[in-house]
């Protein structure tokens, strides 16, 4: 057994070391994210936290429009042709600037459609700027560093960014300025500081070159990836907007707390996804066998379940262990134990299709998953707004989304492989 373990480690040493390096960052980020969550969730009222979480979700969705998806070619170039990073970095900057008018138009529409009755315009604008420009800008550096194989530096950058947001949250919670307006300024300042550090100290030193002919070759891929990214985050984040629209700020606050705790389980899974995508890009046959596919699905589900179960047990023993506001949602965490597994597996399916280049099919799958989830959630909340009713029913909602994603994803992979053969 020891010999087998040594042999497997020797054969996959790079992957193991890369995963451990990235996981180290994920563990640090997990701890910081938990402290950050405790401070914000308890510093704001439950209704205000619901508004913030929903605005943040809207910002994450819209941020995928930035540069019209040109982050995807930048990542692929960083992985396979690093000498062209400077060329594609300038392409990304130009595309990002060109996308800002469209982003402003979308944000205006979202504000008046969802938030105008409960949130001031400047507060909403601060949250949007923080998510779309500042944090998404930091993610550009992380993506390039991961593409270059500098996983340690990428993890360190994410930890630094998360640490800065956590410090801002701690200061906010200890201050006497615990209003949504004050938090928007703290949040924007923290994210802007993280973006500046990423751009100045972490992004590789490259010479920017303008090569529009190269960009045009990648444009269709960029747009399809942008569409898929927007659809993915609509599928994963739009539920908060739906809950706010149907149930109001108080219900959305409880839902946001429950789902935020579920989100924390995705950190180790996303680390795995990053490495798997790179592996499949280089060797597509990696996930050709059903045995490998099902083993990976089982591991993702098991890790997600173990993480949320640990948190649920902790809150069952110490209901106020994460603060008074979180304690109101704590009793219902046991009711959603399967939700993180299904959510993380849907995200994994999306990464599989991206890695194999099936970006158009990825968009189709995400539309189906998003529409299905929105329909089921709306029907559930219209039946009853009592959290004791809808919280256990969330398992069924996400199970249905997962089953649809599973069938569509592996059908796409089988069809694509048949065409190649």
Protein backbone atom coordinates (compact mmCIF):
# COMPACT_ATOMS: atom_id res chain seq x y z
CA UNK A 1 0.00 0.00 0.00
CA UNK A 2 2.83 2.38 0.92
CA UNK A 3 4.66 1.47 -2.31
CA UNK A 4 1.52 2.14 -4.33
CA UNK A 5 1.05 5.52 -2.63
CA UNK A 6 4.68 6.45 -3.33
CA UNK A 7 4.34 5.39 -6.96
CA UNK A 8 1.15 7.41 -7.44
CA UNK A 9 2.73 10.44 -5.79
CA UNK A 10 5.83 10.18 -8.00
CA UNK A 11 3.66 9.90 -11.11
CA UNK A 12 1.39 12.82 -10.18
CA UNK A 13 3.76 14.85 -8.01
CA UNK A 14 3.18 18.10 -9.90
CA UNK A 15 -0.61 17.82 -9.63
CA UNK A 16 -0.44 16.93 -5.91
CA UNK A 17 1.93 19.78 -5.12
CA UNK A 18 -0.13 22.23 -7.15
CA UNK A 19 -3.34 21.13 -5.41
CA UNK A 20 -1.75 21.40 -1.96
CA UNK A 21 -0.40 24.83 -2.83
CA UNK A 22 -3.80 26.03 -4.02
CA UNK A 23 -5.62 24.30 -1.16
CA UNK A 24 -3.40 26.09 1.33
CA UNK A 25 -4.69 29.32 -0.10
CA UNK A 26 -8.25 27.98 -0.03
CA UNK A 27 -7.97 27.07 3.66
CA UNK A 28 -6.72 30.55 4.46
CA UNK A 29 -9.45 32.04 2.35
CA UNK A 30 -12.07 29.83 4.02
CA UNK A 31 -11.10 31.05 7.50
CA UNK A 32 -11.03 34.68 6.39
CA UNK A 33 -14.31 34.30 4.49
CA UNK A 34 -15.95 32.89 7.60
CA UNK A 35 -14.77 35.83 9.75
CA UNK A 36 -15.87 38.24 7.00
CA UNK A 37 -19.28 36.58 6.79
CA UNK A 38 -19.78 36.69 10.58
CA UNK A 39 -18.93 40.40 10.75
CA UNK A 40 -21.13 41.47 7.83
CA UNK A 41 -24.08 39.16 8.58
CA UNK A 42 -24.21 40.36 12.18
CA UNK A 43 -23.18 43.97 11.56
CA UNK A 44 -26.12 44.54 9.23
CA UNK A 45 -29.71 43.63 9.98
CA UNK A 46 -30.98 40.44 8.33
CA UNK A 47 -32.96 42.48 5.79
CA UNK A 48 -29.94 44.68 4.98
CA UNK A 49 -27.72 41.62 4.65
CA UNK A 50 -30.24 40.17 2.22
CA UNK A 51 -30.07 43.37 0.14
CA UNK A 52 -26.26 43.37 0.19
CA UNK A 53 -26.02 39.69 -0.73
CA UNK A 54 -28.48 40.18 -3.58
CA UNK A 55 -26.67 43.28 -4.88
CA UNK A 56 -23.36 41.42 -4.67
CA UNK A 57 -24.88 38.52 -6.61
CA UNK A 58 -26.11 40.95 -9.26
CA UNK A 59 -22.62 42.45 -9.49
CA UNK A 60 -21.04 39.02 -9.91
CA UNK A 61 -23.45 38.21 -12.74
CA UNK A 62 -22.88 41.48 -14.57
CA UNK A 63 -19.09 41.30 -14.04
CA UNK A 64 -18.98 38.41 -16.52
CA UNK A 65 -19.84 40.90 -19.28
CA UNK A 66 -16.58 42.80 -18.58
CA UNK A 67 -14.32 42.61 -21.65
CA UNK A 68 -16.97 40.48 -23.43
CA UNK A 69 -15.39 37.26 -22.14
CA UNK A 70 -11.85 38.06 -23.27
CA UNK A 71 -10.53 36.66 -20.00
CA UNK A 72 -10.97 33.19 -21.52
CA UNK A 73 -8.44 33.71 -24.38
CA UNK A 74 -6.12 35.38 -21.87
CA UNK A 75 -6.30 32.27 -19.65
CA UNK A 76 -5.79 29.87 -22.55
CA UNK A 77 -2.79 31.87 -23.78
CA UNK A 78 -1.31 31.96 -20.27
CA UNK A 79 -1.62 28.17 -20.17
CA UNK A 80 -0.25 27.24 -23.60
CA UNK A 81 1.54 30.31 -25.07
CA UNK A 82 2.77 32.50 -22.17
CA UNK A 83 4.94 34.67 -24.45
CA UNK A 84 1.74 36.23 -25.80
CA UNK A 85 0.40 37.36 -22.40
CA UNK A 86 1.34 40.98 -23.06
CA UNK A 87 -0.47 40.96 -26.38
CA UNK A 88 -3.65 39.47 -24.97
CA UNK A 89 -3.50 41.64 -21.84
CA UNK A 90 -3.82 44.76 -23.96
CA UNK A 91 -6.67 43.11 -25.86
CA UNK A 92 -8.40 42.48 -22.54
CA UNK A 93 -7.93 46.09 -21.39
CA UNK A 94 -9.40 47.51 -24.61
CA UNK A 95 -12.30 45.05 -24.53
CA UNK A 96 -12.95 45.91 -20.86
CA UNK A 97 -13.17 49.63 -21.63
CA UNK A 98 -15.45 48.96 -24.59
CA UNK A 99 -17.79 46.88 -22.41
CA UNK A 100 -18.30 49.58 -19.73
CA UNK A 101 -21.22 51.40 -21.46
CA UNK A 102 -23.12 48.12 -21.80
CA UNK A 103 -22.37 47.27 -18.17
CA UNK A 104 -23.65 50.67 -17.03
CA UNK A 105 -26.86 50.12 -19.02
CA UNK A 106 -27.41 46.65 -17.53
CA UNK A 107 -26.75 47.90 -13.99
CA UNK A 108 -29.25 50.72 -14.44
CA UNK A 109 -31.90 48.27 -15.60
CA UNK A 110 -31.22 45.87 -12.71
CA UNK A 111 -31.39 48.69 -10.17
CA UNK A 112 -34.77 50.00 -11.30
CA UNK A 113 -36.19 46.50 -11.77
CA UNK A 114 -35.14 45.06 -8.41
CA UNK A 115 -33.49 47.45 -5.94
CA UNK A 116 -34.92 50.97 -6.39
CA UNK A 117 -37.57 50.50 -3.69
CA UNK A 118 -35.14 49.27 -0.99
CA UNK A 119 -31.68 50.68 -1.77
CA UNK A 120 -30.26 54.12 -2.65
CA UNK A 121 -28.68 54.50 -6.10
CA UNK A 122 -25.17 55.47 -4.85
CA UNK A 123 -25.11 52.46 -2.51
CA UNK A 124 -26.00 50.13 -5.37
CA UNK A 125 -23.39 51.79 -7.63
CA UNK A 126 -20.69 51.27 -4.98
CA UNK A 127 -21.48 47.55 -4.75
CA UNK A 128 -21.47 47.24 -8.56
CA UNK A 129 -18.11 49.02 -8.93
CA UNK A 130 -16.60 46.84 -6.21
CA UNK A 131 -17.70 43.57 -7.84
CA UNK A 132 -17.49 44.38 -11.56
CA UNK A 133 -14.31 46.44 -11.80
CA UNK A 134 -12.30 45.87 -8.63
CA UNK A 135 -12.80 42.22 -7.70
CA UNK A 136 -13.13 41.07 -11.30
CA UNK A 137 -9.90 42.97 -12.01
CA UNK A 138 -8.18 41.01 -9.24
CA UNK A 139 -9.49 37.79 -10.76
CA UNK A 140 -7.71 38.62 -14.03
CA UNK A 141 -4.36 38.43 -12.22
CA UNK A 142 -5.41 35.19 -10.50
CA UNK A 143 -6.42 33.62 -13.82
CA UNK A 144 -3.14 34.55 -15.51
CA UNK A 145 -1.06 33.29 -12.59
CA UNK A 146 -2.97 29.98 -12.56
CA UNK A 147 -2.46 29.67 -16.31
CA UNK A 148 1.29 30.11 -15.81
CA UNK A 149 1.27 27.44 -13.13
CA UNK A 150 2.11 29.93 -10.36
CA UNK A 151 -0.56 28.51 -8.10
CA UNK A 152 1.10 29.64 -4.88
CA UNK A 153 1.14 33.29 -5.93
CA UNK A 154 -2.42 33.06 -7.25
CA UNK A 155 -3.61 31.61 -3.93
CA UNK A 156 -1.67 34.23 -2.00
CA UNK A 157 -3.31 37.02 -4.01
CA UNK A 158 -6.80 35.65 -3.34
CA UNK A 159 -5.98 35.35 0.37
CA UNK A 160 -4.67 38.93 0.44
CA UNK A 161 -7.81 40.21 -1.28
CA UNK A 162 -10.04 38.25 1.07
CA UNK A 163 -7.99 39.42 4.06
CA UNK A 164 -8.44 43.06 3.08
CA UNK A 165 -12.20 42.58 2.77
CA UNK A 166 -12.21 40.80 6.13
CA UNK A 167 -10.31 43.64 7.83
CA UNK A 168 -12.83 46.09 6.36
CA UNK A 169 -15.69 43.93 7.68
CA UNK A 170 -14.15 43.75 11.18
CA UNK A 171 -13.66 47.53 11.30
CA UNK A 172 -17.21 47.99 10.05
CA UNK A 173 -18.66 45.65 12.69
CA UNK A 174 -16.72 47.37 15.50
CA UNK A 175 -17.69 50.84 14.35
CA UNK A 176 -20.94 52.66 15.09
CA UNK A 177 -21.60 53.09 11.35
CA UNK A 178 -23.38 49.78 10.81
CA UNK A 179 -25.67 50.86 7.98
CA UNK A 180 -25.90 49.57 4.44
CA UNK A 181 -24.62 52.89 3.10
CA UNK A 182 -21.53 52.79 5.33
CA UNK A 183 -20.84 49.18 4.41
CA UNK A 184 -20.96 50.02 0.70
CA UNK A 185 -18.08 52.48 1.20
CA UNK A 186 -16.07 50.01 3.29
CA UNK A 187 -16.68 47.33 0.67
CA UNK A 188 -15.69 49.50 -2.29
CA UNK A 189 -12.52 50.71 -0.57
CA UNK A 190 -11.45 47.17 0.33
CA UNK A 191 -12.03 45.82 -3.17
CA UNK A 192 -10.30 48.79 -4.82
CA UNK A 193 -7.25 48.28 -2.58
CA UNK A 194 -7.13 44.58 -3.51
CA UNK A 195 -7.32 45.41 -7.21
CA UNK A 196 -4.43 47.89 -6.98
CA UNK A 197 -2.24 45.36 -5.15
CA UNK A 198 -3.06 42.70 -7.77
CA UNK A 199 -2.26 44.96 -10.71
CA UNK A 200 0.94 46.45 -9.29
CA UNK A 201 2.55 43.56 -7.42
CA UNK A 202 1.15 40.30 -8.83
CA UNK A 203 0.33 40.63 -12.52
CA UNK A 204 3.33 39.40 -14.58
CA UNK A 205 5.59 42.13 -15.92
CA UNK A 206 4.88 42.08 -19.65
CA UNK A 207 5.18 44.42 -22.60
CA UNK A 208 1.76 45.35 -23.95
CA UNK A 209 1.40 44.84 -27.70
CA UNK A 210 -1.58 45.64 -29.94
CA UNK A 211 -2.35 42.72 -32.32
CA UNK A 212 -6.03 43.00 -33.38
CA UNK A 213 -5.67 40.18 -35.92
CA UNK A 214 -4.97 37.71 -33.11
CA UNK A 215 -7.93 38.97 -31.10
CA UNK A 216 -10.37 38.50 -33.96
CA UNK A 217 -9.48 34.81 -34.16
CA UNK A 218 -10.53 34.39 -30.53
CA UNK A 219 -13.56 36.68 -30.61
CA UNK A 220 -16.22 34.03 -31.16
CA UNK A 221 -14.79 31.96 -28.32
CA UNK A 222 -14.73 35.05 -26.08
CA UNK A 223 -18.37 35.91 -26.73
CA UNK A 224 -19.56 32.34 -26.21
CA UNK A 225 -17.58 32.11 -22.97
CA UNK A 226 -18.96 35.48 -21.82
CA UNK A 227 -22.47 34.29 -22.55
CA UNK A 228 -21.83 31.02 -20.74
CA UNK A 229 -20.29 32.83 -17.75
CA UNK A 230 -23.25 35.19 -17.48
CA UNK A 231 -25.66 32.28 -17.77
CA UNK A 232 -23.71 30.24 -15.22
CA UNK A 233 -23.85 33.00 -12.66
CA UNK A 234 -27.49 33.71 -13.45
CA UNK A 235 -28.07 30.02 -12.77
CA UNK A 236 -26.06 30.14 -9.52
CA UNK A 237 -26.77 33.67 -8.22
CA UNK A 238 -30.12 34.78 -9.64
CA UNK A 239 -31.91 32.79 -6.96
CA UNK A 240 -31.09 35.58 -4.49
CA UNK A 241 -32.77 38.14 -6.76
CA UNK A 242 -35.78 35.85 -7.20
CA UNK A 243 -36.10 35.38 -3.44
CA UNK A 244 -35.84 39.15 -2.85
CA UNK A 245 -38.48 39.82 -5.50
CA UNK A 246 -40.91 37.19 -4.22
CA UNK A 247 -40.22 37.16 -0.47
CA UNK A 248 -38.83 40.62 0.32
CA UNK A 249 -35.63 41.64 2.18
CA UNK A 250 -36.26 39.65 5.38
CA UNK A 251 -36.78 36.30 3.61
CA UNK A 252 -33.90 37.05 1.24
CA UNK A 253 -31.68 37.70 4.26
CA UNK A 254 -32.37 34.27 5.75
CA UNK A 255 -31.94 32.64 2.34
CA UNK A 256 -28.67 34.52 1.77
CA UNK A 257 -27.27 33.39 5.12
CA UNK A 258 -28.12 29.74 4.41
CA UNK A 259 -26.69 29.85 0.90
CA UNK A 260 -23.59 31.76 1.97
CA UNK A 261 -22.77 28.97 4.40
CA UNK A 262 -23.32 26.51 1.54
CA UNK A 263 -21.04 28.60 -0.71
CA UNK A 264 -18.12 28.14 1.68
CA UNK A 265 -18.09 24.42 0.86
CA UNK A 266 -17.22 25.17 -2.79
CA UNK A 267 -13.70 26.51 -2.13
CA UNK A 268 -11.84 23.15 -2.18
CA UNK A 269 -13.96 21.98 -5.13
CA UNK A 270 -13.04 25.05 -7.21
CA UNK A 271 -9.36 24.38 -6.56
CA UNK A 272 -9.85 20.90 -7.97
CA UNK A 273 -11.80 22.28 -10.95
CA UNK A 274 -8.94 24.63 -11.89
CA UNK A 275 -6.42 21.80 -12.06
CA UNK A 276 -8.81 19.45 -13.85
CA UNK A 277 -9.58 22.03 -16.55
CA UNK A 278 -5.86 22.44 -17.28
CA UNK A 279 -5.38 18.66 -17.34
CA UNK A 280 -8.27 18.16 -19.79
CA UNK A 281 -7.04 20.99 -22.03
CA UNK A 282 -3.73 19.15 -22.40
CA UNK A 283 -5.08 15.57 -22.39
CA UNK A 284 -8.80 15.41 -23.31
CA UNK A 285 -9.00 11.65 -22.70
CA UNK A 286 -8.61 12.26 -18.94
CA UNK A 287 -12.37 11.95 -18.34
CA UNK A 288 -13.20 9.57 -21.19
CA UNK A 289 -14.20 6.61 -18.97
CA UNK A 290 -17.45 6.45 -17.02
CA UNK A 291 -15.62 4.99 -14.03
CA UNK A 292 -13.44 8.11 -13.75
CA UNK A 293 -16.43 10.41 -14.27
CA UNK A 294 -18.49 8.80 -11.53
CA UNK A 295 -15.55 8.69 -9.09
CA UNK A 296 -15.00 12.41 -9.57
CA UNK A 297 -18.72 13.13 -9.12
CA UNK A 298 -18.72 11.09 -5.92
CA UNK A 299 -15.68 12.89 -4.53
CA UNK A 300 -17.14 16.33 -5.25
CA UNK A 301 -20.42 15.35 -3.58
CA UNK A 302 -18.71 13.77 -0.56
CA UNK A 303 -16.41 16.73 0.12
CA UNK A 304 -19.32 19.17 -0.19
CA UNK A 305 -21.57 17.12 2.11
CA UNK A 306 -18.84 16.69 4.74
CA UNK A 307 -18.16 20.43 4.79
CA UNK A 308 -21.79 21.52 5.24
CA UNK A 309 -22.49 18.72 7.75
CA UNK A 310 -19.54 19.84 9.88
CA UNK A 311 -20.86 23.39 9.89
CA UNK A 312 -24.41 22.24 10.66
CA UNK A 313 -23.24 20.13 13.61
CA UNK A 314 -21.21 23.05 14.96
CA UNK A 315 -24.24 25.35 14.79
CA UNK A 316 -26.45 22.66 16.33
CA UNK A 317 -24.10 22.48 19.31
CA UNK A 318 -23.43 26.24 19.45
CA UNK A 319 -26.39 28.01 17.76
CA UNK A 320 -24.89 31.45 18.47
CA UNK A 321 -21.40 30.38 17.44
CA UNK A 322 -21.49 32.59 14.33
CA UNK A 323 -23.48 35.48 15.80
CA UNK A 324 -27.06 36.32 16.64
CA UNK A 325 -28.30 36.95 13.10
CA UNK A 326 -26.77 33.71 11.80
CA UNK A 327 -28.35 31.85 14.73
CA UNK A 328 -31.79 32.57 13.23
CA UNK A 329 -30.83 30.55 10.14
CA UNK A 330 -28.78 27.92 12.01
CA UNK A 331 -31.71 25.53 12.75
CA UNK A 332 -32.41 25.20 9.03
CA UNK A 333 -28.88 24.29 7.95
CA UNK A 334 -29.54 20.62 8.74
CA UNK A 335 -32.45 20.82 6.29
CA UNK A 336 -30.22 21.71 3.30
CA UNK A 337 -27.37 19.20 3.67
CA UNK A 338 -27.60 18.01 0.04
CA UNK A 339 -27.79 21.46 -1.56
CA UNK A 340 -23.99 22.15 -1.62
CA UNK A 341 -23.27 18.80 -3.29
CA UNK A 342 -25.77 19.43 -6.09
CA UNK A 343 -24.68 23.07 -6.56
CA UNK A 344 -20.99 22.19 -6.70
CA UNK A 345 -21.61 19.35 -9.15
CA UNK A 346 -23.48 21.68 -11.51
CA UNK A 347 -20.49 24.03 -11.36
CA UNK A 348 -18.19 21.08 -12.05
CA UNK A 349 -20.26 20.13 -15.12
CA UNK A 350 -19.91 23.67 -16.45
CA UNK A 351 -16.12 23.47 -16.05
CA UNK A 352 -16.05 20.14 -17.89
CA UNK A 353 -17.75 21.64 -20.92
CA UNK A 354 -15.43 24.67 -20.85
CA UNK A 355 -12.35 22.44 -20.67
CA UNK A 356 -13.46 20.40 -23.69
CA UNK A 357 -14.25 23.51 -25.72
CA UNK A 358 -18.01 22.87 -25.81
CA UNK A 359 -18.77 26.51 -25.00
CA UNK A 360 -21.98 26.81 -27.04
CA UNK A 361 -23.40 23.63 -25.50
CA UNK A 362 -22.32 24.96 -22.12
CA UNK A 363 -24.50 28.02 -22.69
CA UNK A 364 -27.48 25.86 -23.65
CA UNK A 365 -27.10 23.70 -20.55
CA UNK A 366 -26.86 26.74 -18.29
CA UNK A 367 -30.02 28.24 -19.78
CA UNK A 368 -31.90 25.02 -19.07
CA UNK A 369 -30.50 24.76 -15.53
CA UNK A 370 -31.20 28.43 -14.79
CA UNK A 371 -34.77 28.39 -16.06
CA UNK A 372 -35.49 25.16 -14.20
CA UNK A 373 -34.11 26.48 -10.92
CA UNK A 374 -35.89 29.83 -11.19
CA UNK A 375 -39.19 28.17 -11.98
CA UNK A 376 -38.95 25.70 -9.11
CA UNK A 377 -37.81 28.37 -6.63
CA UNK A 378 -40.59 30.76 -7.61
CA UNK A 379 -43.19 27.99 -7.28
CA UNK A 380 -41.76 26.98 -3.90
CA UNK A 381 -41.78 30.50 -2.43
CA UNK A 382 -45.24 31.27 -3.77
CA UNK A 383 -46.51 28.19 -1.92
CA UNK A 384 -45.16 29.45 1.42
CA UNK A 385 -42.64 32.00 2.72
CA UNK A 386 -42.16 30.04 5.95
CA UNK A 387 -38.47 29.08 6.11
CA UNK A 388 -39.37 25.82 7.89
CA UNK A 389 -41.33 24.84 4.76
CA UNK A 390 -39.06 25.96 1.93
CA UNK A 391 -35.63 25.17 3.39
CA UNK A 392 -35.89 21.33 3.21
CA UNK A 393 -37.57 21.61 -0.18
CA UNK A 394 -34.41 23.26 -1.55
CA UNK A 395 -32.80 19.81 -1.69
CA UNK A 396 -35.40 18.74 -4.25
CA UNK A 397 -34.97 21.93 -6.27
CA UNK A 398 -31.21 21.49 -6.56
CA UNK A 399 -31.53 17.75 -7.16
CA UNK A 400 -33.71 18.46 -10.20
CA UNK A 401 -31.19 21.01 -11.50
CA UNK A 402 -28.32 18.56 -10.96
CA UNK A 403 -30.06 15.71 -12.78
CA UNK A 404 -30.79 17.95 -15.76
CA UNK A 405 -27.18 19.18 -15.79
CA UNK A 406 -25.82 15.62 -15.52
CA UNK A 407 -27.87 14.35 -18.45
CA UNK A 408 -27.11 17.34 -20.69
CA UNK A 409 -23.39 17.50 -19.86
CA UNK A 410 -22.51 13.87 -20.46
CA UNK A 411 -24.69 13.71 -23.53
CA UNK A 412 -22.67 16.65 -24.89
CA UNK A 413 -19.35 15.01 -24.01
CA UNK A 414 -20.40 11.71 -25.62
CA UNK A 415 -21.58 13.46 -28.79
CA UNK A 416 -18.40 15.53 -29.00
CA UNK A 417 -16.20 12.47 -28.54
CA UNK A 418 -18.12 10.57 -31.22
CA UNK A 419 -17.54 13.42 -33.68
CA UNK A 420 -13.80 13.43 -32.92
CA UNK A 421 -13.56 9.68 -33.47
